Amino acid sequence: MTSTQPLPRGISALIPEARARATPGEKAAAQLLHLREATVPVPVLAAAAELIAPQFDDPDPATREAAARVHARLLAAIEDAPPGQ
């Protein structure tokens, strides 16, 4: 028999979920970890870094590792941003 529950669509279908429900921070970390290039204002990068930081204390080691890697990328992008961005 097939399930009547619809399959995930859009960006949600691309985010692996090891647990039944991923937190918004876990989803953000998974999405940002795969991001290679984007142009956004520095304040948005700073806000994203702040939102990722609480995941450093997550009980799941994969979430902690992804959060640390994403956080490092965000901080590097902030440091490399041209003045006035």
PDB file of N, CA and C in Angstrom:
ATOM      1  N   MET A   1       0.831  -1.185   0.000  1.00  0.00           N
ATOM      2  CA  MET A   1       0.000   0.000   0.000  1.00  0.00           C
ATOM      3  C   MET A   1       0.872   1.244   0.000  1.00  0.00           C
ATOM      4  N   THR A   2       0.368   2.260  -0.593  1.00  0.00           N
ATOM      5  CA  THR A   2       1.103   3.523  -0.620  1.00  0.00           C
ATOM      6  C   THR A   2       0.628   4.409   0.508  1.00  0.00           C
ATOM      7  N   SER A   3       1.490   5.292   0.904  1.00  0.00           N
ATOM      8  CA  SER A   3       1.167   6.225   1.982  1.00  0.00           C
ATOM      9  C   SER A   3       0.319   7.355   1.435  1.00  0.00           C
ATOM     10  N   THR A   4      -0.592   7.848   2.241  1.00  0.00           N
ATOM     11  CA  THR A   4      -1.408   8.993   1.830  1.00  0.00           C
ATOM     12  C   THR A   4      -0.739  10.304   2.197  1.00  0.00           C
ATOM     13  N   GLN A   5       0.374  10.239   2.898  1.00  0.00           N
ATOM     14  CA  GLN A   5       1.094  11.446   3.280  1.00  0.00           C
ATOM     15  C   GLN A   5       1.881  11.955   2.083  1.00  0.00           C
ATOM     16  N   PRO A   6       1.731  13.257   1.743  1.00  0.00           N
ATOM     17  CA  PRO A   6       2.432  13.772   0.571  1.00  0.00           C
ATOM     18  C   PRO A   6       3.939  13.820   0.795  1.00  0.00           C
ATOM     19  N   LEU A   7       4.671  13.663  -0.292  1.00  0.00           N
ATOM     20  CA  LEU A   7       6.124  13.754  -0.226  1.00  0.00           C
ATOM     21  C   LEU A   7       6.536  15.211  -0.052  1.00  0.00           C
ATOM     22  N   PRO A   8       7.681  15.464   0.584  1.00  0.00           N
ATOM     23  CA  PRO A   8       8.148  16.834   0.731  1.00  0.00           C
ATOM     24  C   PRO A   8       8.407  17.456  -0.633  1.00  0.00           C
ATOM     25  N   ARG A   9       8.152  18.747  -0.744  1.00  0.00           N
ATOM     26  CA  ARG A   9       8.340  19.451  -2.009  1.00  0.00           C
ATOM     27  C   ARG A   9       9.248  20.644  -1.790  1.00  0.00           C
ATOM     28  N   GLY A  10       9.795  21.162  -2.855  1.00  0.00           N
ATOM     29  CA  GLY A  10      10.610  22.367  -2.798  1.00  0.00           C
ATOM     30  C   GLY A  10      11.903  22.119  -2.045  1.00  0.00           C
ATOM     31  N   ILE A  11      12.388  23.166  -1.407  1.00  0.00           N
ATOM     32  CA  ILE A  11      13.677  23.094  -0.700  1.00  0.00           C
ATOM     33  C   ILE A  11      13.631  22.079   0.435  1.00  0.00           C
ATOM     34  N   SER A  12      12.473  21.863   1.021  1.00  0.00           N
ATOM     35  CA  SER A  12      12.347  20.900   2.123  1.00  0.00           C
ATOM     36  C   SER A  12      12.692  19.486   1.673  1.00  0.00           C
ATOM     37  N   ALA A  13      12.468  19.179   0.410  1.00  0.00           N
ATOM     38  CA  ALA A  13      12.764  17.843  -0.087  1.00  0.00           C
ATOM     39  C   ALA A  13      14.267  17.591  -0.168  1.00  0.00           C
ATOM     40  N   LEU A  14      15.065  18.657  -0.178  1.00  0.00           N
ATOM     41  CA  LEU A  14      16.512  18.522  -0.301  1.00  0.00           C
ATOM     42  C   LEU A  14      17.227  18.426   1.037  1.00  0.00           C
ATOM     43  N   ILE A  15      16.519  18.646   2.117  1.00  0.00           N
ATOM     44  CA  ILE A  15      17.134  18.688   3.432  1.00  0.00           C
ATOM     45  C   ILE A  15      17.005  17.328   4.107  1.00  0.00           C
ATOM     46  N   PRO A  16      18.136  16.660   4.322  1.00  0.00           N
ATOM     47  CA  PRO A  16      18.049  15.367   4.994  1.00  0.00           C
ATOM     48  C   PRO A  16      17.662  15.553   6.457  1.00  0.00           C
ATOM     49  N   GLU A  17      16.782  14.699   6.923  1.00  0.00           N
ATOM     50  CA  GLU A  17      16.354  14.762   8.316  1.00  0.00           C
ATOM     51  C   GLU A  17      16.598  13.399   8.949  1.00  0.00           C
ATOM     52  N   ALA A  18      17.583  13.337   9.833  1.00  0.00           N
ATOM     53  CA  ALA A  18      17.899  12.081  10.504  1.00  0.00           C
ATOM     54  C   ALA A  18      16.835  11.746  11.545  1.00  0.00           C
ATOM     55  N   ARG A  19      16.289  12.773  12.158  1.00  0.00           N
ATOM     56  CA  ARG A  19      15.237  12.569  13.151  1.00  0.00           C
ATOM     57  C   ARG A  19      13.885  12.849  12.517  1.00  0.00           C
ATOM     58  N   ALA A  20      12.838  12.512  13.216  1.00  0.00           N
ATOM     59  CA  ALA A  20      11.496  12.714  12.683  1.00  0.00           C
ATOM     60  C   ALA A  20      11.238  14.192  12.379  1.00  0.00           C
ATOM     61  N   ARG A  21      11.736  15.085  13.239  1.00  0.00           N
ATOM     62  CA  ARG A  21      11.524  16.513  13.031  1.00  0.00           C
ATOM     63  C   ARG A  21      12.832  17.249  13.246  1.00  0.00           C
ATOM     64  N   ALA A  22      13.247  17.975  12.248  1.00  0.00           N
ATOM     65  CA  ALA A  22      14.439  18.804  12.383  1.00  0.00           C
ATOM     66  C   ALA A  22      14.015  20.180  12.870  1.00  0.00           C
ATOM     67  N   THR A  23      14.840  20.777  13.710  1.00  0.00           N
ATOM     68  CA  THR A  23      14.545  22.124  14.185  1.00  0.00           C
ATOM     69  C   THR A  23      14.836  23.118  13.064  1.00  0.00           C
ATOM     70  N   PRO A  24      14.306  24.336  13.152  1.00  0.00           N
ATOM     71  CA  PRO A  24      14.623  25.347  12.136  1.00  0.00           C
ATOM     72  C   PRO A  24      16.126  25.600  12.019  1.00  0.00           C
ATOM     73  N   GLY A  25      16.838  25.573  13.133  1.00  0.00           N
ATOM     74  CA  GLY A  25      18.281  25.776  13.096  1.00  0.00           C
ATOM     75  C   GLY A  25      18.998  24.649  12.372  1.00  0.00           C
ATOM     76  N   GLU A  26      18.551  23.420  12.584  1.00  0.00           N
ATOM     77  CA  GLU A  26      19.144  22.277  11.887  1.00  0.00           C
ATOM     78  C   GLU A  26      18.896  22.371  10.387  1.00  0.00           C
ATOM     79  N   LYS A  27      17.691  22.767  10.005  1.00  0.00           N
ATOM     80  CA  LYS A  27      17.386  22.922   8.585  1.00  0.00           C
ATOM     81  C   LYS A  27      18.228  24.038   7.975  1.00  0.00           C
ATOM     82  N   ALA A  28      18.361  25.135   8.698  1.00  0.00           N
ATOM     83  CA  ALA A  28      19.169  26.249   8.192  1.00  0.00           C
ATOM     84  C   ALA A  28      20.621  25.824   8.031  1.00  0.00           C
ATOM     85  N   ALA A  29      21.143  25.088   9.001  1.00  0.00           N
ATOM     86  CA  ALA A  29      22.531  24.629   8.909  1.00  0.00           C
ATOM     87  C   ALA A  29      22.705  23.715   7.701  1.00  0.00           C
ATOM     88  N   ALA A  30      21.762  22.805   7.469  1.00  0.00           N
ATOM     89  CA  ALA A  30      21.848  21.894   6.334  1.00  0.00           C
ATOM     90  C   ALA A  30      21.790  22.654   5.013  1.00  0.00           C
ATOM     91  N   GLN A  31      20.932  23.652   4.945  1.00  0.00           N
ATOM     92  CA  GLN A  31      20.810  24.437   3.717  1.00  0.00           C
ATOM     93  C   GLN A  31      22.068  25.266   3.475  1.00  0.00           C
ATOM     94  N   LEU A  32      22.533  25.942   4.490  1.00  0.00           N
ATOM     95  CA  LEU A  32      23.682  26.829   4.328  1.00  0.00           C
ATOM     96  C   LEU A  32      24.977  26.067   4.088  1.00  0.00           C
ATOM     97  N   LEU A  33      25.071  24.860   4.590  1.00  0.00           N
ATOM     98  CA  LEU A  33      26.280  24.069   4.404  1.00  0.00           C
ATOM     99  C   LEU A  33      26.524  23.777   2.924  1.00  0.00           C
ATOM    100  N   HIS A  34      25.460  23.663   2.154  1.00  0.00           N
ATOM    101  CA  HIS A  34      25.584  23.362   0.729  1.00  0.00           C
ATOM    102  C   HIS A  34      25.672  24.614  -0.136  1.00  0.00           C
ATOM    103  N   LEU A  35      25.520  25.760   0.445  1.00  0.00           N
ATOM    104  CA  LEU A  35      25.588  27.010  -0.294  1.00  0.00           C
ATOM    105  C   LEU A  35      27.020  27.293  -0.708  1.00  0.00           C
ATOM    106  N   ARG A  36      27.251  27.569  -1.955  1.00  0.00           N
ATOM    107  CA  ARG A  36      28.591  27.834  -2.455  1.00  0.00           C
ATOM    108  C   ARG A  36      28.826  29.316  -2.716  1.00  0.00           C
ATOM    109  N   GLU A  37      27.817  30.030  -3.180  1.00  0.00           N
ATOM    110  CA  GLU A  37      28.010  31.438  -3.503  1.00  0.00           C
ATOM    111  C   GLU A  37      26.679  32.178  -3.411  1.00  0.00           C
ATOM    112  N   ALA A  38      26.726  33.338  -2.814  1.00  0.00           N
ATOM    113  CA  ALA A  38      25.541  34.190  -2.714  1.00  0.00           C
ATOM    114  C   ALA A  38      25.999  35.609  -2.454  1.00  0.00           C
ATOM    115  N   THR A  39      25.178  36.563  -2.855  1.00  0.00           N
ATOM    116  CA  THR A  39      25.466  37.967  -2.580  1.00  0.00           C
ATOM    117  C   THR A  39      24.377  38.481  -1.651  1.00  0.00           C
ATOM    118  N   VAL A  40      24.768  38.758  -0.423  1.00  0.00           N
ATOM    119  CA  VAL A  40      23.827  39.280   0.569  1.00  0.00           C
ATOM    120  C   VAL A  40      24.530  40.364   1.386  1.00  0.00           C
ATOM    121  N   PRO A  41      23.766  41.264   1.974  1.00  0.00           N
ATOM    122  CA  PRO A  41      24.384  42.287   2.814  1.00  0.00           C
ATOM    123  C   PRO A  41      25.042  41.667   4.057  1.00  0.00           C
ATOM    124  N   VAL A  42      26.106  42.305   4.518  1.00  0.00           N
ATOM    125  CA  VAL A  42      26.839  41.818   5.692  1.00  0.00           C
ATOM    126  C   VAL A  42      25.926  41.662   6.909  1.00  0.00           C
ATOM    127  N   PRO A  43      24.984  42.585   7.169  1.00  0.00           N
ATOM    128  CA  PRO A  43      24.106  42.373   8.330  1.00  0.00           C
ATOM    129  C   PRO A  43      23.310  41.065   8.259  1.00  0.00           C
ATOM    130  N   VAL A  44      22.976  40.627   7.058  1.00  0.00           N
ATOM    131  CA  VAL A  44      22.262  39.351   6.918  1.00  0.00           C
ATOM    132  C   VAL A  44      23.194  38.196   7.285  1.00  0.00           C
ATOM    133  N   LEU A  45      24.458  38.288   6.866  1.00  0.00           N
ATOM    134  CA  LEU A  45      25.434  37.261   7.241  1.00  0.00           C
ATOM    135  C   LEU A  45      25.617  37.211   8.753  1.00  0.00           C
ATOM    136  N   ALA A  46      25.698  38.378   9.365  1.00  0.00           N
ATOM    137  CA  ALA A  46      25.873  38.438  10.822  1.00  0.00           C
ATOM    138  C   ALA A  46      24.660  37.836  11.536  1.00  0.00           C
ATOM    139  N   ALA A  47      23.474  38.137  11.029  1.00  0.00           N
ATOM    140  CA  ALA A  47      22.261  37.575  11.639  1.00  0.00           C
ATOM    141  C   ALA A  47      22.236  36.061  11.484  1.00  0.00           C
ATOM    142  N   ALA A  48      22.637  35.569  10.310  1.00  0.00           N
ATOM    143  CA  ALA A  48      22.672  34.119  10.093  1.00  0.00           C
ATOM    144  C   ALA A  48      23.671  33.456  11.040  1.00  0.00           C
ATOM    145  N   ALA A  49      24.817  34.096  11.245  1.00  0.00           N
ATOM    146  CA  ALA A  49      25.814  33.549  12.171  1.00  0.00           C
ATOM    147  C   ALA A  49      25.244  33.465  13.588  1.00  0.00           C
ATOM    148  N   GLU A  50      24.498  34.476  13.986  1.00  0.00           N
ATOM    149  CA  GLU A  50      23.874  34.454  15.323  1.00  0.00           C
ATOM    150  C   GLU A  50      22.820  33.366  15.431  1.00  0.00           C
ATOM    151  N   LEU A  51      22.069  33.143  14.354  1.00  0.00           N
ATOM    152  CA  LEU A  51      21.026  32.116  14.387  1.00  0.00           C
ATOM    153  C   LEU A  51      21.599  30.701  14.391  1.00  0.00           C
ATOM    154  N   ILE A  52      22.749  30.523  13.783  1.00  0.00           N
ATOM    155  CA  ILE A  52      23.385  29.201  13.735  1.00  0.00           C
ATOM    156  C   ILE A  52      24.065  28.859  15.061  1.00  0.00           C
ATOM    157  N   ALA A  53      24.589  29.854  15.755  1.00  0.00           N
ATOM    158  CA  ALA A  53      25.387  29.635  16.969  1.00  0.00           C
ATOM    159  C   ALA A  53      24.718  28.731  18.019  1.00  0.00           C
ATOM    160  N   PRO A  54      23.421  28.831  18.281  1.00  0.00           N
ATOM    161  CA  PRO A  54      22.830  27.953  19.305  1.00  0.00           C
ATOM    162  C   PRO A  54      22.936  26.461  18.967  1.00  0.00           C
ATOM    163  N   GLN A  55      23.148  26.135  17.706  1.00  0.00           N
ATOM    164  CA  GLN A  55      23.255  24.727  17.316  1.00  0.00           C
ATOM    165  C   GLN A  55      24.579  24.104  17.749  1.00  0.00           C
ATOM    166  N   PHE A  56      25.517  24.922  18.239  1.00  0.00           N
ATOM    167  CA  PHE A  56      26.785  24.387  18.749  1.00  0.00           C
ATOM    168  C   PHE A  56      26.555  23.452  19.935  1.00  0.00           C
ATOM    169  N   ASP A  57      25.442  23.614  20.631  1.00  0.00           N
ATOM    170  CA  ASP A  57      25.128  22.811  21.818  1.00  0.00           C
ATOM    171  C   ASP A  57      24.129  21.691  21.532  1.00  0.00           C
ATOM    172  N   ASP A  58      23.820  21.445  20.265  1.00  0.00           N
ATOM    173  CA  ASP A  58      22.848  20.416  19.913  1.00  0.00           C
ATOM    174  C   ASP A  58      23.376  19.041  20.321  1.00  0.00           C
ATOM    175  N   PRO A  59      22.499  18.151  20.786  1.00  0.00           N
ATOM    176  CA  PRO A  59      22.956  16.814  21.180  1.00  0.00           C
ATOM    177  C   PRO A  59      23.464  15.971  20.001  1.00  0.00           C
ATOM    178  N   ASP A  60      23.058  16.305  18.787  1.00  0.00           N
ATOM    179  CA  ASP A  60      23.476  15.539  17.612  1.00  0.00           C
ATOM    180  C   ASP A  60      24.827  16.030  17.108  1.00  0.00           C
ATOM    181  N   PRO A  61      25.852  15.167  17.076  1.00  0.00           N
ATOM    182  CA  PRO A  61      27.189  15.589  16.640  1.00  0.00           C
ATOM    183  C   PRO A  61      27.215  16.096  15.198  1.00  0.00           C
ATOM    184  N   ALA A  62      26.400  15.528  14.320  1.00  0.00           N
ATOM    185  CA  ALA A  62      26.373  15.994  12.929  1.00  0.00           C
ATOM    186  C   ALA A  62      25.843  17.419  12.843  1.00  0.00           C
ATOM    187  N   THR A  63      24.846  17.737  13.648  1.00  0.00           N
ATOM    188  CA  THR A  63      24.306  19.094  13.671  1.00  0.00           C
ATOM    189  C   THR A  63      25.346  20.064  14.200  1.00  0.00           C
ATOM    190  N   ARG A  64      26.048  19.665  15.273  1.00  0.00           N
ATOM    191  CA  ARG A  64      27.100  20.540  15.822  1.00  0.00           C
ATOM    192  C   ARG A  64      28.194  20.798  14.787  1.00  0.00           C
ATOM    193  N   GLU A  65      28.603  19.747  14.084  1.00  0.00           N
ATOM    194  CA  GLU A  65      29.662  19.903  13.080  1.00  0.00           C
ATOM    195  C   GLU A  65      29.197  20.808  11.931  1.00  0.00           C
ATOM    196  N   ALA A  66      27.990  20.587  11.442  1.00  0.00           N
ATOM    197  CA  ALA A  66      27.466  21.418  10.354  1.00  0.00           C
ATOM    198  C   ALA A  66      27.347  22.869  10.797  1.00  0.00           C
ATOM    199  N   ALA A  67      26.870  23.089  12.010  1.00  0.00           N
ATOM    200  CA  ALA A  67      26.736  24.450  12.524  1.00  0.00           C
ATOM    201  C   ALA A  67      28.090  25.131  12.618  1.00  0.00           C
ATOM    202  N   ALA A  68      29.096  24.423  13.093  1.00  0.00           N
ATOM    203  CA  ALA A  68      30.435  25.014  13.213  1.00  0.00           C
ATOM    204  C   ALA A  68      31.004  25.357  11.843  1.00  0.00           C
ATOM    205  N   ARG A  69      30.817  24.478  10.868  1.00  0.00           N
ATOM    206  CA  ARG A  69      31.338  24.737   9.525  1.00  0.00           C
ATOM    207  C   ARG A  69      30.618  25.906   8.867  1.00  0.00           C
ATOM    208  N   VAL A  70      29.303  25.949   8.999  1.00  0.00           N
ATOM    209  CA  VAL A  70      28.537  27.054   8.418  1.00  0.00           C
ATOM    210  C   VAL A  70      28.910  28.361   9.104  1.00  0.00           C
ATOM    211  N   HIS A  71      29.024  28.334  10.415  1.00  0.00           N
ATOM    212  CA  HIS A  71      29.371  29.528  11.179  1.00  0.00           C
ATOM    213  C   HIS A  71      30.732  30.063  10.731  1.00  0.00           C
ATOM    214  N   ALA A  72      31.685  29.164  10.553  1.00  0.00           N
ATOM    215  CA  ALA A  72      33.017  29.576  10.099  1.00  0.00           C
ATOM    216  C   ALA A  72      32.956  30.208   8.715  1.00  0.00           C
ATOM    217  N   ARG A  73      32.148  29.644   7.828  1.00  0.00           N
ATOM    218  CA  ARG A  73      31.996  30.217   6.480  1.00  0.00           C
ATOM    219  C   ARG A  73      31.359  31.605   6.545  1.00  0.00           C
ATOM    220  N   LEU A  74      30.367  31.747   7.381  1.00  0.00           N
ATOM    221  CA  LEU A  74      29.711  33.050   7.512  1.00  0.00           C
ATOM    222  C   LEU A  74      30.678  34.096   8.046  1.00  0.00           C
ATOM    223  N   LEU A  75      31.445  33.739   9.063  1.00  0.00           N
ATOM    224  CA  LEU A  75      32.408  34.700   9.624  1.00  0.00           C
ATOM    225  C   LEU A  75      33.487  35.054   8.601  1.00  0.00           C
ATOM    226  N   ALA A  76      33.926  34.074   7.813  1.00  0.00           N
ATOM    227  CA  ALA A  76      34.928  34.351   6.787  1.00  0.00           C
ATOM    228  C   ALA A  76      34.366  35.285   5.730  1.00  0.00           C
ATOM    229  N   ALA A  77      33.111  35.093   5.361  1.00  0.00           N
ATOM    230  CA  ALA A  77      32.484  35.969   4.380  1.00  0.00           C
ATOM    231  C   ALA A  77      32.345  37.391   4.916  1.00  0.00           C
ATOM    232  N   ILE A  78      32.042  37.513   6.188  1.00  0.00           N
ATOM    233  CA  ILE A  78      31.934  38.848   6.811  1.00  0.00           C
ATOM    234  C   ILE A  78      33.290  39.531   6.793  1.00  0.00           C
ATOM    235  N   GLU A  79      34.341  38.805   7.150  1.00  0.00           N
ATOM    236  CA  GLU A  79      35.682  39.374   7.189  1.00  0.00           C
ATOM    237  C   GLU A  79      36.180  39.760   5.803  1.00  0.00           C
ATOM    238  N   ASP A  80      35.784  39.003   4.770  1.00  0.00           N
ATOM    239  CA  ASP A  80      36.253  39.248   3.403  1.00  0.00           C
ATOM    240  C   ASP A  80      35.393  40.270   2.651  1.00  0.00           C
ATOM    241  N   ALA A  81      34.301  40.709   3.259  1.00  0.00           N
ATOM    242  CA  ALA A  81      33.399  41.638   2.576  1.00  0.00           C
ATOM    243  C   ALA A  81      34.082  42.992   2.372  1.00  0.00           C
ATOM    244  N   PRO A  82      33.879  43.585   1.191  1.00  0.00           N
ATOM    245  CA  PRO A  82      34.434  44.912   0.948  1.00  0.00           C
ATOM    246  C   PRO A  82      33.807  45.934   1.898  1.00  0.00           C
ATOM    247  N   PRO A  83      34.534  46.972   2.251  1.00  0.00           N
ATOM    248  CA  PRO A  83      33.976  48.009   3.136  1.00  0.00           C
ATOM    249  C   PRO A  83      32.706  48.607   2.549  1.00  0.00           C
ATOM    250  N   GLY A  84      31.764  48.900   3.409  1.00  0.00           N
ATOM    251  CA  GLY A  84      30.515  49.515   3.003  1.00  0.00           C
ATOM    252  C   GLY A  84      29.456  48.561   2.498  1.00  0.00           C
ATOM    253  N   GLN A  85      29.669  47.283   2.651  1.00  0.00           N
ATOM    254  CA  GLN A  85      28.690  46.294   2.173  1.00  0.00           C
ATOM    255  C   GLN A  85      27.688  45.982   3.233  1.00  0.00           C
TER     256      GLN A  85
END
